[in-house]
Amino acid sequence: MAEYLKVELAKLGVDDDAIVEYCVGLLEDTSMDAEEKHEAIVGYLEAAEVTQDVAPTVLKAIDLVAGDQAKRDLDAHELAQQALKGALAREREELLRDASDNKPVAGRQLTADERRQRERLLKAYGSVEPEIVETANGESEIVYREQAGEGPVMERNMNAQIVVEKERAMREAGRLAHLKNKEREKELLEKDRLKKEEKKKRTMKNEKRRM
């Protein structure tokens, strides 16, 4: 993050506030991707005649910024999940209340449609409890079992299933993002190494010409 970059640049002897703040500005620029930030910051420091190898430090700072953003995204996702679970609980209560309101009263019999609706709601929500189980492939899944614990799955709440699928997609996206970041790090470091080798060759050629 910004503080990390400031501290590490100071360790490398970069104590010019203007240079440091400009690098921080590039680091926090949301219009550039990781590679663009890396090239911009390293190139700027080289132009400012910073002779130390700053590429690993810059790369670590960029990764910290990306990790911090990922954490904020995850926190927002968890808040959304909590809100969704609360909405599901309220929906369940409303459905149970509606089903209870359909009980027969004096002088009135439920219609066939009302009885079917009541039975469906009670079966889906009234006599089951949610449980998180692990499937054969190691994934977690929300299912609904009888309260007495005697029978297998009776009914799945489709909204809960959507939550499970979203969480599974988030985990897969996180895994792919991690692999992509590791590959990007390798590419950036290799690119920086080749750039330095080319610069070293040009310097050697210029020295030979002067001799």
N, C-alpha and C. Protein backbone atom coordinates (compact mmCIF):
# COMPACT_ATOMS: atom_id res chain seq x y z
N MET A 1 0.84 -1.18 0.00
CA MET A 1 0.00 0.00 0.00
C MET A 1 0.88 1.24 0.00
N ALA A 2 0.27 2.41 0.09
CA ALA A 2 1.02 3.66 0.00
C ALA A 2 2.08 3.77 1.09
N GLU A 3 1.70 3.43 2.33
CA GLU A 3 2.65 3.54 3.44
C GLU A 3 3.82 2.59 3.26
N TYR A 4 3.53 1.39 2.76
CA TYR A 4 4.60 0.43 2.51
C TYR A 4 5.59 0.99 1.48
N LEU A 5 5.06 1.56 0.40
CA LEU A 5 5.93 2.10 -0.64
C LEU A 5 6.78 3.24 -0.10
N LYS A 6 6.20 4.10 0.72
CA LYS A 6 6.96 5.22 1.30
C LYS A 6 8.11 4.72 2.16
N VAL A 7 7.81 3.74 3.02
CA VAL A 7 8.84 3.20 3.92
C VAL A 7 9.96 2.53 3.14
N GLU A 8 9.58 1.72 2.14
CA GLU A 8 10.59 0.98 1.38
C GLU A 8 11.44 1.91 0.51
N LEU A 9 10.83 2.94 -0.05
CA LEU A 9 11.60 3.90 -0.84
C LEU A 9 12.58 4.64 0.05
N ALA A 10 12.15 4.95 1.28
CA ALA A 10 13.05 5.62 2.22
C ALA A 10 14.25 4.73 2.54
N LYS A 11 14.01 3.43 2.68
CA LYS A 11 15.10 2.48 2.94
C LYS A 11 16.10 2.45 1.78
N LEU A 12 15.58 2.69 0.57
CA LEU A 12 16.45 2.69 -0.61
C LEU A 12 17.11 4.04 -0.84
N GLY A 13 16.85 4.97 0.06
CA GLY A 13 17.48 6.28 -0.04
C GLY A 13 16.69 7.31 -0.81
N VAL A 14 15.46 6.99 -1.18
CA VAL A 14 14.61 7.95 -1.90
C VAL A 14 13.85 8.76 -0.85
N ASP A 15 14.35 9.95 -0.54
CA ASP A 15 13.75 10.76 0.51
C ASP A 15 13.17 12.08 0.00
N ASP A 16 13.14 12.23 -1.32
CA ASP A 16 12.54 13.44 -1.90
C ASP A 16 11.01 13.29 -1.84
N ASP A 17 10.36 14.16 -1.08
CA ASP A 17 8.90 14.06 -0.89
C ASP A 17 8.14 14.13 -2.20
N ALA A 18 8.60 14.98 -3.11
CA ALA A 18 7.91 15.14 -4.39
C ALA A 18 7.95 13.84 -5.19
N ILE A 19 9.11 13.19 -5.20
CA ILE A 19 9.25 11.92 -5.93
C ILE A 19 8.38 10.84 -5.30
N VAL A 20 8.43 10.76 -3.98
CA VAL A 20 7.66 9.73 -3.26
C VAL A 20 6.16 9.92 -3.48
N GLU A 21 5.68 11.15 -3.35
CA GLU A 21 4.25 11.41 -3.51
C GLU A 21 3.78 11.14 -4.94
N TYR A 22 4.64 11.43 -5.90
CA TYR A 22 4.27 11.15 -7.29
C TYR A 22 4.13 9.64 -7.50
N CYS A 23 5.05 8.88 -6.90
CA CYS A 23 4.98 7.41 -7.01
C CYS A 23 3.73 6.88 -6.32
N VAL A 24 3.37 7.46 -5.18
CA VAL A 24 2.15 7.05 -4.48
C VAL A 24 0.92 7.35 -5.34
N GLY A 25 0.95 8.50 -6.01
CA GLY A 25 -0.16 8.85 -6.90
C GLY A 25 -0.33 7.84 -8.02
N LEU A 26 0.80 7.40 -8.59
CA LEU A 26 0.74 6.38 -9.64
C LEU A 26 0.23 5.05 -9.08
N LEU A 27 0.68 4.72 -7.87
CA LEU A 27 0.27 3.47 -7.23
C LEU A 27 -1.24 3.42 -7.01
N GLU A 28 -1.83 4.55 -6.64
CA GLU A 28 -3.26 4.60 -6.31
C GLU A 28 -4.13 4.96 -7.50
N ASP A 29 -3.53 5.13 -8.67
CA ASP A 29 -4.29 5.48 -9.87
C ASP A 29 -5.13 4.28 -10.32
N THR A 30 -6.43 4.42 -10.26
CA THR A 30 -7.32 3.30 -10.61
C THR A 30 -7.52 3.15 -12.11
N SER A 31 -7.01 4.09 -12.90
CA SER A 31 -7.19 3.99 -14.35
C SER A 31 -6.14 3.09 -15.01
N MET A 32 -5.11 2.70 -14.25
CA MET A 32 -4.04 1.86 -14.80
C MET A 32 -4.12 0.46 -14.21
N ASP A 33 -3.72 -0.53 -15.02
CA ASP A 33 -3.65 -1.89 -14.48
C ASP A 33 -2.29 -2.08 -13.81
N ALA A 34 -2.06 -3.28 -13.27
CA ALA A 34 -0.85 -3.54 -12.50
C ALA A 34 0.42 -3.35 -13.33
N GLU A 35 0.41 -3.84 -14.56
CA GLU A 35 1.61 -3.73 -15.40
C GLU A 35 1.91 -2.27 -15.74
N GLU A 36 0.88 -1.51 -16.04
CA GLU A 36 1.08 -0.09 -16.35
C GLU A 36 1.63 0.66 -15.15
N LYS A 37 1.10 0.35 -13.96
CA LYS A 37 1.61 0.99 -12.74
C LYS A 37 3.08 0.65 -12.52
N HIS A 38 3.41 -0.62 -12.70
CA HIS A 38 4.79 -1.07 -12.48
C HIS A 38 5.74 -0.35 -13.42
N GLU A 39 5.40 -0.31 -14.68
CA GLU A 39 6.27 0.35 -15.66
C GLU A 39 6.38 1.85 -15.38
N ALA A 40 5.26 2.47 -15.01
CA ALA A 40 5.26 3.92 -14.78
C ALA A 40 6.11 4.28 -13.57
N ILE A 41 5.95 3.55 -12.47
CA ILE A 41 6.69 3.88 -11.24
C ILE A 41 8.17 3.58 -11.39
N VAL A 42 8.48 2.38 -11.90
CA VAL A 42 9.89 2.02 -12.09
C VAL A 42 10.56 2.97 -13.08
N GLY A 43 9.88 3.27 -14.18
CA GLY A 43 10.43 4.19 -15.18
C GLY A 43 10.66 5.57 -14.61
N TYR A 44 9.73 6.05 -13.80
CA TYR A 44 9.86 7.38 -13.19
C TYR A 44 11.05 7.43 -12.24
N LEU A 45 11.20 6.38 -11.42
CA LEU A 45 12.31 6.36 -10.47
C LEU A 45 13.65 6.26 -11.19
N GLU A 46 13.69 5.52 -12.29
CA GLU A 46 14.93 5.44 -13.07
C GLU A 46 15.26 6.80 -13.69
N ALA A 47 14.21 7.48 -14.17
CA ALA A 47 14.42 8.82 -14.74
C ALA A 47 14.88 9.80 -13.67
N ALA A 48 14.46 9.54 -12.42
CA ALA A 48 14.87 10.40 -11.31
C ALA A 48 16.25 10.00 -10.78
N GLU A 49 16.92 9.09 -11.52
CA GLU A 49 18.27 8.65 -11.21
C GLU A 49 18.37 7.89 -9.89
N VAL A 50 17.32 7.11 -9.62
CA VAL A 50 17.39 6.18 -8.48
C VAL A 50 18.09 4.92 -8.98
N THR A 51 19.24 4.62 -8.46
CA THR A 51 20.06 3.54 -9.00
C THR A 51 19.75 2.17 -8.38
N GLN A 52 19.09 2.14 -7.24
CA GLN A 52 18.78 0.86 -6.60
C GLN A 52 17.71 0.11 -7.40
N ASP A 53 17.68 -1.21 -7.19
CA ASP A 53 16.68 -2.05 -7.85
C ASP A 53 15.34 -1.89 -7.13
N VAL A 54 14.44 -1.14 -7.74
CA VAL A 54 13.16 -0.84 -7.09
C VAL A 54 12.02 -1.73 -7.59
N ALA A 55 12.28 -2.54 -8.61
CA ALA A 55 11.21 -3.33 -9.22
C ALA A 55 10.50 -4.25 -8.22
N PRO A 56 11.23 -5.04 -7.40
CA PRO A 56 10.53 -5.91 -6.44
C PRO A 56 9.69 -5.13 -5.43
N THR A 57 10.22 -4.00 -4.98
CA THR A 57 9.49 -3.17 -4.01
C THR A 57 8.20 -2.64 -4.62
N VAL A 58 8.29 -2.16 -5.85
CA VAL A 58 7.10 -1.62 -6.52
C VAL A 58 6.08 -2.72 -6.75
N LEU A 59 6.56 -3.89 -7.15
CA LEU A 59 5.65 -5.01 -7.40
C LEU A 59 4.92 -5.42 -6.12
N LYS A 60 5.66 -5.45 -5.00
CA LYS A 60 5.03 -5.81 -3.71
C LYS A 60 3.98 -4.77 -3.33
N ALA A 61 4.28 -3.49 -3.54
CA ALA A 61 3.32 -2.43 -3.21
C ALA A 61 2.04 -2.56 -4.04
N ILE A 62 2.21 -2.89 -5.33
CA ILE A 62 1.05 -3.06 -6.21
C ILE A 62 0.20 -4.24 -5.75
N ASP A 63 0.86 -5.33 -5.35
CA ASP A 63 0.13 -6.51 -4.87
C ASP A 63 -0.63 -6.20 -3.58
N LEU A 64 -0.03 -5.40 -2.70
CA LEU A 64 -0.70 -5.03 -1.45
C LEU A 64 -1.94 -4.20 -1.73
N VAL A 65 -1.83 -3.28 -2.69
CA VAL A 65 -3.00 -2.48 -3.07
C VAL A 65 -4.10 -3.37 -3.62
N ALA A 66 -3.72 -4.32 -4.49
CA ALA A 66 -4.70 -5.23 -5.07
C ALA A 66 -5.35 -6.10 -3.99
N GLY A 67 -4.53 -6.56 -3.02
CA GLY A 67 -5.07 -7.37 -1.94
C GLY A 67 -6.02 -6.59 -1.06
N ASP A 68 -5.69 -5.32 -0.81
CA ASP A 68 -6.57 -4.47 0.00
C ASP A 68 -7.90 -4.26 -0.70
N GLN A 69 -7.87 -4.06 -2.01
CA GLN A 69 -9.11 -3.89 -2.77
C GLN A 69 -9.92 -5.18 -2.77
N ALA A 70 -9.23 -6.31 -2.89
CA ALA A 70 -9.93 -7.60 -2.87
C ALA A 70 -10.62 -7.82 -1.54
N LYS A 71 -9.96 -7.40 -0.44
CA LYS A 71 -10.57 -7.54 0.89
C LYS A 71 -11.82 -6.67 1.01
N ARG A 72 -11.73 -5.45 0.47
CA ARG A 72 -12.92 -4.58 0.51
C ARG A 72 -14.05 -5.18 -0.31
N ASP A 73 -13.71 -5.77 -1.45
CA ASP A 73 -14.74 -6.41 -2.27
C ASP A 73 -15.36 -7.60 -1.54
N LEU A 74 -14.51 -8.37 -0.83
CA LEU A 74 -15.01 -9.53 -0.09
C LEU A 74 -15.91 -9.09 1.05
N ASP A 75 -15.50 -8.02 1.75
CA ASP A 75 -16.34 -7.50 2.84
C ASP A 75 -17.70 -7.06 2.32
N ALA A 76 -17.69 -6.39 1.17
CA ALA A 76 -18.95 -5.95 0.57
C ALA A 76 -19.81 -7.15 0.18
N HIS A 77 -19.13 -8.21 -0.33
CA HIS A 77 -19.86 -9.42 -0.71
C HIS A 77 -20.49 -10.07 0.51
N GLU A 78 -19.73 -10.13 1.63
CA GLU A 78 -20.25 -10.75 2.84
C GLU A 78 -21.43 -9.96 3.40
N LEU A 79 -21.36 -8.63 3.32
CA LEU A 79 -22.49 -7.81 3.76
C LEU A 79 -23.72 -8.09 2.90
N ALA A 80 -23.49 -8.23 1.60
CA ALA A 80 -24.61 -8.53 0.70
C ALA A 80 -25.20 -9.90 1.01
N GLN A 81 -24.32 -10.87 1.34
CA GLN A 81 -24.80 -12.21 1.69
C GLN A 81 -25.63 -12.17 2.97
N GLN A 82 -25.18 -11.39 3.95
CA GLN A 82 -25.94 -11.28 5.20
C GLN A 82 -27.31 -10.65 4.95
N ALA A 83 -27.32 -9.62 4.09
CA ALA A 83 -28.59 -8.98 3.77
C ALA A 83 -29.52 -9.96 3.06
N LEU A 84 -28.95 -10.78 2.16
CA LEU A 84 -29.76 -11.75 1.44
C LEU A 84 -30.31 -12.81 2.38
N LYS A 85 -29.47 -13.29 3.31
CA LYS A 85 -29.94 -14.29 4.27
C LYS A 85 -31.04 -13.72 5.16
N GLY A 86 -30.90 -12.43 5.53
CA GLY A 86 -31.96 -11.80 6.32
C GLY A 86 -33.25 -11.72 5.54
N ALA A 87 -33.13 -11.41 4.25
CA ALA A 87 -34.32 -11.33 3.40
C ALA A 87 -34.98 -12.70 3.26
N LEU A 88 -34.14 -13.75 3.15
CA LEU A 88 -34.68 -15.11 3.05
C LEU A 88 -35.42 -15.50 4.33
N ALA A 89 -34.86 -15.10 5.48
CA ALA A 89 -35.52 -15.42 6.75
C ALA A 89 -36.87 -14.71 6.86
N ARG A 90 -36.89 -13.45 6.44
CA ARG A 90 -38.16 -12.70 6.48
C ARG A 90 -39.17 -13.31 5.52
N GLU A 91 -38.68 -13.73 4.35
CA GLU A 91 -39.58 -14.34 3.37
C GLU A 91 -40.18 -15.63 3.93
N ARG A 92 -39.35 -16.42 4.60
CA ARG A 92 -39.81 -17.68 5.19
C ARG A 92 -40.90 -17.41 6.23
N GLU A 93 -40.66 -16.40 7.07
CA GLU A 93 -41.65 -16.06 8.10
C GLU A 93 -42.97 -15.63 7.47
N GLU A 94 -42.87 -14.83 6.41
CA GLU A 94 -44.09 -14.36 5.75
C GLU A 94 -44.86 -15.52 5.12
N LEU A 95 -44.12 -16.46 4.51
CA LEU A 95 -44.78 -17.60 3.89
C LEU A 95 -45.46 -18.48 4.94
N LEU A 96 -44.79 -18.68 6.07
CA LEU A 96 -45.39 -19.47 7.15
C LEU A 96 -46.63 -18.78 7.70
N ARG A 97 -46.54 -17.46 7.83
CA ARG A 97 -47.68 -16.70 8.33
C ARG A 97 -48.86 -16.79 7.37
N ASP A 98 -48.54 -16.66 6.07
CA ASP A 98 -49.61 -16.76 5.06
C ASP A 98 -50.24 -18.15 5.09
N ALA A 99 -49.38 -19.18 5.25
CA ALA A 99 -49.91 -20.54 5.29
C ALA A 99 -50.80 -20.74 6.51
N SER A 100 -50.38 -20.16 7.64
CA SER A 100 -51.17 -20.27 8.86
C SER A 100 -52.50 -19.56 8.72
N ASP A 101 -52.50 -18.44 8.01
CA ASP A 101 -53.74 -17.68 7.80
C ASP A 101 -54.74 -18.44 6.96
N ASN A 102 -54.26 -19.46 6.23
CA ASN A 102 -55.15 -20.24 5.37
C ASN A 102 -55.84 -21.39 6.09
N LYS A 103 -55.64 -21.48 7.44
CA LYS A 103 -56.30 -22.54 8.20
C LYS A 103 -57.81 -22.33 8.14
N PRO A 104 -58.61 -23.40 8.15
CA PRO A 104 -60.06 -23.25 8.07
C PRO A 104 -60.62 -22.57 9.30
N VAL A 105 -61.63 -21.74 9.12
CA VAL A 105 -62.31 -21.07 10.22
C VAL A 105 -63.76 -21.49 10.20
N ALA A 106 -64.48 -21.14 11.31
CA ALA A 106 -65.88 -21.56 11.43
C ALA A 106 -66.69 -21.07 10.25
N GLY A 107 -67.45 -21.98 9.66
CA GLY A 107 -68.35 -21.60 8.57
C GLY A 107 -67.67 -21.49 7.23
N ARG A 108 -66.35 -21.85 7.15
CA ARG A 108 -65.66 -21.71 5.86
C ARG A 108 -64.70 -22.86 5.65
N GLN A 109 -64.71 -23.44 4.48
CA GLN A 109 -63.79 -24.51 4.12
C GLN A 109 -62.78 -23.98 3.10
N LEU A 110 -61.53 -24.45 3.22
CA LEU A 110 -60.52 -24.04 2.24
C LEU A 110 -60.86 -24.64 0.88
N THR A 111 -60.56 -23.87 -0.15
CA THR A 111 -60.72 -24.39 -1.50
C THR A 111 -59.59 -25.38 -1.78
N ALA A 112 -59.74 -26.13 -2.85
CA ALA A 112 -58.70 -27.11 -3.22
C ALA A 112 -57.37 -26.41 -3.48
N ASP A 113 -57.42 -25.25 -4.16
CA ASP A 113 -56.19 -24.51 -4.45
C ASP A 113 -55.55 -24.03 -3.16
N GLU A 114 -56.35 -23.54 -2.23
CA GLU A 114 -55.81 -23.04 -0.96
C GLU A 114 -55.18 -24.17 -0.15
N ARG A 115 -55.81 -25.34 -0.16
CA ARG A 115 -55.24 -26.47 0.56
C ARG A 115 -53.90 -26.90 -0.04
N ARG A 116 -53.86 -26.93 -1.37
CA ARG A 116 -52.61 -27.32 -2.03
C ARG A 116 -51.50 -26.32 -1.73
N GLN A 117 -51.87 -25.03 -1.76
CA GLN A 117 -50.88 -23.99 -1.47
C GLN A 117 -50.37 -24.12 -0.04
N ARG A 118 -51.29 -24.33 0.90
CA ARG A 118 -50.91 -24.44 2.31
C ARG A 118 -50.00 -25.66 2.53
N GLU A 119 -50.37 -26.78 1.93
CA GLU A 119 -49.56 -27.99 2.08
C GLU A 119 -48.17 -27.81 1.48
N ARG A 120 -48.13 -27.14 0.32
CA ARG A 120 -46.83 -26.91 -0.33
C ARG A 120 -45.94 -26.03 0.54
N LEU A 121 -46.50 -24.95 1.09
CA LEU A 121 -45.72 -24.03 1.91
C LEU A 121 -45.24 -24.69 3.20
N LEU A 122 -46.14 -25.44 3.83
CA LEU A 122 -45.75 -26.11 5.08
C LEU A 122 -44.69 -27.16 4.82
N LYS A 123 -44.80 -27.84 3.70
CA LYS A 123 -43.80 -28.86 3.37
C LYS A 123 -42.45 -28.21 3.08
N ALA A 124 -42.49 -27.09 2.35
CA ALA A 124 -41.25 -26.43 1.95
C ALA A 124 -40.59 -25.68 3.09
N TYR A 125 -41.39 -25.11 4.00
CA TYR A 125 -40.81 -24.22 5.01
C TYR A 125 -41.16 -24.58 6.45
N GLY A 126 -42.28 -25.26 6.67
CA GLY A 126 -42.76 -25.41 8.03
C GLY A 126 -42.15 -26.55 8.81
N SER A 127 -41.70 -27.60 8.17
CA SER A 127 -41.25 -28.78 8.91
C SER A 127 -39.82 -29.16 8.60
N VAL A 128 -39.05 -28.21 8.09
CA VAL A 128 -37.66 -28.51 7.76
C VAL A 128 -36.75 -27.47 8.37
N GLU A 129 -35.50 -27.85 8.54
CA GLU A 129 -34.49 -26.95 9.09
C GLU A 129 -33.30 -26.90 8.15
N PRO A 130 -32.67 -25.73 7.97
CA PRO A 130 -31.52 -25.63 7.08
C PRO A 130 -30.30 -26.31 7.69
N GLU A 131 -29.48 -26.89 6.81
CA GLU A 131 -28.26 -27.56 7.26
C GLU A 131 -27.21 -27.42 6.17
N ILE A 132 -25.97 -27.13 6.57
CA ILE A 132 -24.88 -27.03 5.60
C ILE A 132 -24.17 -28.38 5.56
N VAL A 133 -24.12 -28.99 4.39
CA VAL A 133 -23.49 -30.30 4.23
C VAL A 133 -22.38 -30.19 3.20
N GLU A 134 -21.46 -31.16 3.22
CA GLU A 134 -20.36 -31.19 2.26
C GLU A 134 -20.66 -32.25 1.21
N THR A 135 -20.60 -31.85 -0.05
CA THR A 135 -20.90 -32.76 -1.14
C THR A 135 -19.68 -33.63 -1.45
N ALA A 136 -19.84 -34.55 -2.41
CA ALA A 136 -18.77 -35.49 -2.75
C ALA A 136 -17.52 -34.78 -3.27
N ASN A 137 -17.71 -33.63 -3.92
CA ASN A 137 -16.56 -32.91 -4.47
C ASN A 137 -16.00 -31.88 -3.50
N GLY A 138 -16.43 -31.93 -2.23
CA GLY A 138 -15.86 -31.05 -1.21
C GLY A 138 -16.50 -29.69 -1.11
N GLU A 139 -17.53 -29.41 -1.89
CA GLU A 139 -18.21 -28.12 -1.85
C GLU A 139 -19.26 -28.12 -0.74
N SER A 140 -19.53 -26.95 -0.18
CA SER A 140 -20.57 -26.81 0.84
C SER A 140 -21.90 -26.51 0.17
N GLU A 141 -22.96 -27.08 0.71
CA GLU A 141 -24.27 -26.89 0.11
C GLU A 141 -25.32 -26.77 1.21
N ILE A 142 -26.29 -25.86 1.02
CA ILE A 142 -27.37 -25.70 1.98
C ILE A 142 -28.52 -26.60 1.56
N VAL A 143 -28.96 -27.47 2.48
CA VAL A 143 -30.11 -28.34 2.22
C VAL A 143 -31.07 -28.20 3.38
N TYR A 144 -32.28 -28.71 3.20
CA TYR A 144 -33.30 -28.63 4.24
C TYR A 144 -33.74 -30.04 4.62
N ARG A 145 -33.60 -30.38 5.92
CA ARG A 145 -33.96 -31.71 6.42
C ARG A 145 -35.11 -31.59 7.41
N GLU A 146 -35.77 -32.73 7.66
CA GLU A 146 -36.85 -32.74 8.63
C GLU A 146 -36.33 -32.38 10.01
N GLN A 147 -37.14 -31.68 10.81
CA GLN A 147 -36.71 -31.25 12.13
C GLN A 147 -36.37 -32.45 13.00
N ALA A 148 -37.12 -33.55 12.87
CA ALA A 148 -36.88 -34.72 13.71
C ALA A 148 -35.60 -35.43 13.31
N GLY A 149 -35.05 -35.08 12.17
CA GLY A 149 -33.80 -35.68 11.72
C GLY A 149 -33.97 -37.07 11.16
N GLU A 150 -35.18 -37.46 10.78
CA GLU A 150 -35.43 -38.83 10.35
C GLU A 150 -35.27 -38.99 8.84
N GLY A 151 -35.70 -38.02 8.10
CA GLY A 151 -35.74 -38.20 6.66
C GLY A 151 -34.63 -37.49 5.93
N PRO A 152 -34.45 -37.78 4.65
CA PRO A 152 -33.45 -37.08 3.83
C PRO A 152 -33.98 -35.72 3.42
N VAL A 153 -33.32 -35.12 2.45
CA VAL A 153 -33.72 -33.79 1.99
C VAL A 153 -35.15 -33.81 1.50
N MET A 154 -35.95 -32.86 1.99
CA MET A 154 -37.35 -32.78 1.55
C MET A 154 -37.53 -31.74 0.45
N GLU A 155 -36.91 -30.56 0.70
CA GLU A 155 -37.15 -29.46 -0.24
C GLU A 155 -35.97 -28.51 -0.18
N ARG A 156 -35.53 -28.01 -1.31
CA ARG A 156 -34.45 -27.03 -1.33
C ARG A 156 -35.03 -25.65 -1.55
N ASN A 157 -34.50 -24.73 -0.79
CA ASN A 157 -34.89 -23.33 -0.99
C ASN A 157 -34.08 -22.79 -2.16
N MET A 158 -34.75 -22.43 -3.24
CA MET A 158 -34.04 -22.03 -4.46
C MET A 158 -33.20 -20.79 -4.24
N ASN A 159 -33.70 -19.86 -3.40
CA ASN A 159 -32.90 -18.67 -3.13
C ASN A 159 -31.61 -19.03 -2.40
N ALA A 160 -31.69 -19.98 -1.46
CA ALA A 160 -30.49 -20.43 -0.76
C ALA A 160 -29.52 -21.09 -1.73
N GLN A 161 -30.05 -21.84 -2.69
CA GLN A 161 -29.20 -22.48 -3.69
C GLN A 161 -28.48 -21.43 -4.53
N ILE A 162 -29.14 -20.33 -4.82
CA ILE A 162 -28.50 -19.24 -5.57
C ILE A 162 -27.33 -18.69 -4.77
N VAL A 163 -27.52 -18.55 -3.44
CA VAL A 163 -26.44 -18.07 -2.58
C VAL A 163 -25.24 -19.00 -2.67
N VAL A 164 -25.51 -20.31 -2.60
CA VAL A 164 -24.43 -21.30 -2.67
C VAL A 164 -23.67 -21.18 -3.99
N GLU A 165 -24.41 -21.04 -5.09
CA GLU A 165 -23.77 -20.94 -6.40
C GLU A 165 -22.92 -19.68 -6.50
N LYS A 166 -23.42 -18.58 -5.93
CA LYS A 166 -22.65 -17.33 -5.96
C LYS A 166 -21.37 -17.47 -5.15
N GLU A 167 -21.46 -18.11 -3.98
CA GLU A 167 -20.27 -18.31 -3.16
C GLU A 167 -19.26 -19.20 -3.87
N ARG A 168 -19.75 -20.23 -4.54
CA ARG A 168 -18.87 -21.12 -5.29
C ARG A 168 -18.17 -20.35 -6.42
N ALA A 169 -18.93 -19.51 -7.10
CA ALA A 169 -18.36 -18.71 -8.19
C ALA A 169 -17.31 -17.73 -7.65
N MET A 170 -17.58 -17.15 -6.45
CA MET A 170 -16.63 -16.23 -5.85
C MET A 170 -15.31 -16.95 -5.51
N ARG A 171 -15.43 -18.17 -4.97
CA ARG A 171 -14.22 -18.93 -4.64
C ARG A 171 -13.40 -19.24 -5.89
N GLU A 172 -14.10 -19.64 -6.95
CA GLU A 172 -13.41 -19.97 -8.20
C GLU A 172 -12.76 -18.72 -8.80
N ALA A 173 -13.48 -17.60 -8.73
CA ALA A 173 -12.92 -16.34 -9.25
C ALA A 173 -11.69 -15.94 -8.46
N GLY A 174 -11.73 -16.14 -7.14
CA GLY A 174 -10.57 -15.82 -6.31
C GLY A 174 -9.38 -16.69 -6.64
N ARG A 175 -9.64 -17.98 -6.88
CA ARG A 175 -8.55 -18.90 -7.23
C ARG A 175 -7.91 -18.50 -8.55
N LEU A 176 -8.75 -18.18 -9.54
CA LEU A 176 -8.23 -17.79 -10.84
C LEU A 176 -7.48 -16.47 -10.76
N ALA A 177 -7.99 -15.54 -9.94
CA ALA A 177 -7.33 -14.24 -9.78
C ALA A 177 -5.95 -14.42 -9.15
N HIS A 178 -5.85 -15.35 -8.18
CA HIS A 178 -4.56 -15.61 -7.53
C HIS A 178 -3.56 -16.16 -8.54
N LEU A 179 -3.99 -17.11 -9.35
CA LEU A 179 -3.10 -17.68 -10.37
C LEU A 179 -2.67 -16.62 -11.37
N LYS A 180 -3.63 -15.76 -11.73
CA LYS A 180 -3.32 -14.70 -12.69
C LYS A 180 -2.31 -13.72 -12.11
N ASN A 181 -2.45 -13.39 -10.82
CA ASN A 181 -1.51 -12.48 -10.17
C ASN A 181 -0.11 -13.06 -10.13
N LYS A 182 -0.01 -14.37 -9.81
CA LYS A 182 1.31 -15.00 -9.76
C LYS A 182 1.97 -15.00 -11.13
N GLU A 183 1.18 -15.26 -12.17
CA GLU A 183 1.71 -15.25 -13.53
C GLU A 183 2.14 -13.84 -13.93
N ARG A 184 1.34 -12.85 -13.51
CA ARG A 184 1.67 -11.47 -13.83
C ARG A 184 2.97 -11.04 -13.15
N GLU A 185 3.15 -11.48 -11.91
CA GLU A 185 4.38 -11.16 -11.19
C GLU A 185 5.60 -11.71 -11.93
N LYS A 186 5.51 -12.95 -12.38
CA LYS A 186 6.62 -13.56 -13.12
C LYS A 186 6.92 -12.78 -14.39
N GLU A 187 5.86 -12.39 -15.10
CA GLU A 187 6.04 -11.66 -16.35
C GLU A 187 6.68 -10.30 -16.11
N LEU A 188 6.22 -9.60 -15.06
CA LEU A 188 6.76 -8.27 -14.77
C LEU A 188 8.23 -8.34 -14.37
N LEU A 189 8.57 -9.31 -13.54
CA LEU A 189 9.96 -9.45 -13.11
C LEU A 189 10.86 -9.85 -14.27
N GLU A 190 10.37 -10.73 -15.14
CA GLU A 190 11.15 -11.12 -16.31
C GLU A 190 11.32 -9.94 -17.27
N LYS A 191 10.26 -9.17 -17.43
CA LYS A 191 10.33 -7.99 -18.30
C LYS A 191 11.33 -6.98 -17.75
N ASP A 192 11.31 -6.80 -16.43
CA ASP A 192 12.24 -5.87 -15.80
C ASP A 192 13.68 -6.36 -15.94
N ARG A 193 13.88 -7.69 -15.81
CA ARG A 193 15.22 -8.26 -15.95
C ARG A 193 15.76 -8.05 -17.35
N LEU A 194 14.93 -8.29 -18.37
CA LEU A 194 15.36 -8.10 -19.75
C LEU A 194 15.66 -6.63 -20.05
N LYS A 195 14.85 -5.76 -19.45
CA LYS A 195 15.06 -4.33 -19.65
C LYS A 195 16.41 -3.90 -19.09
N LYS A 196 16.75 -4.43 -17.92
CA LYS A 196 18.03 -4.08 -17.30
C LYS A 196 19.20 -4.65 -18.09
N GLU A 197 19.03 -5.86 -18.61
CA GLU A 197 20.10 -6.46 -19.43
C GLU A 197 20.35 -5.63 -20.68
N GLU A 198 19.25 -5.18 -21.30
CA GLU A 198 19.38 -4.36 -22.51
C GLU A 198 20.07 -3.04 -22.19
N LYS A 199 19.71 -2.47 -21.05
CA LYS A 199 20.33 -1.21 -20.64
C LYS A 199 21.82 -1.40 -20.36
N LYS A 200 22.15 -2.55 -19.75
CA LYS A 200 23.54 -2.84 -19.44
C LYS A 200 24.35 -3.03 -20.72
N LYS A 201 23.75 -3.69 -21.73
CA LYS A 201 24.44 -3.89 -23.01
C LYS A 201 24.70 -2.56 -23.70
N ARG A 202 23.69 -1.68 -23.67
CA ARG A 202 23.88 -0.36 -24.30
C ARG A 202 24.99 0.42 -23.61
N THR A 203 25.03 0.32 -22.28
CA THR A 203 26.07 1.03 -21.53
C THR A 203 27.46 0.50 -21.89
N MET A 204 27.58 -0.82 -22.01
CA MET A 204 28.87 -1.43 -22.37
C MET A 204 29.30 -1.02 -23.77
N LYS A 205 28.34 -0.94 -24.71
CA LYS A 205 28.66 -0.53 -26.07
C LYS A 205 29.16 0.91 -26.10
N ASN A 206 28.49 1.76 -25.34
CA ASN A 206 28.90 3.17 -25.29
C ASN A 206 30.30 3.33 -24.70
N GLU A 207 30.60 2.52 -23.68
CA GLU A 207 31.92 2.59 -23.06
C GLU A 207 33.00 2.12 -24.03
N LYS A 208 32.70 1.07 -24.81
CA LYS A 208 33.67 0.57 -25.79
C LYS A 208 33.94 1.61 -26.87
N ARG A 209 32.88 2.33 -27.28
CA ARG A 209 33.06 3.35 -28.31
C ARG A 209 33.94 4.48 -27.81
N ARG A 210 33.78 4.82 -26.54
CA ARG A 210 34.60 5.90 -25.99
C ARG A 210 36.06 5.48 -25.87
N MET A 211 36.28 4.16 -25.72
CA MET A 211 37.66 3.65 -25.63
C MET A 211 38.27 3.63 -27.03
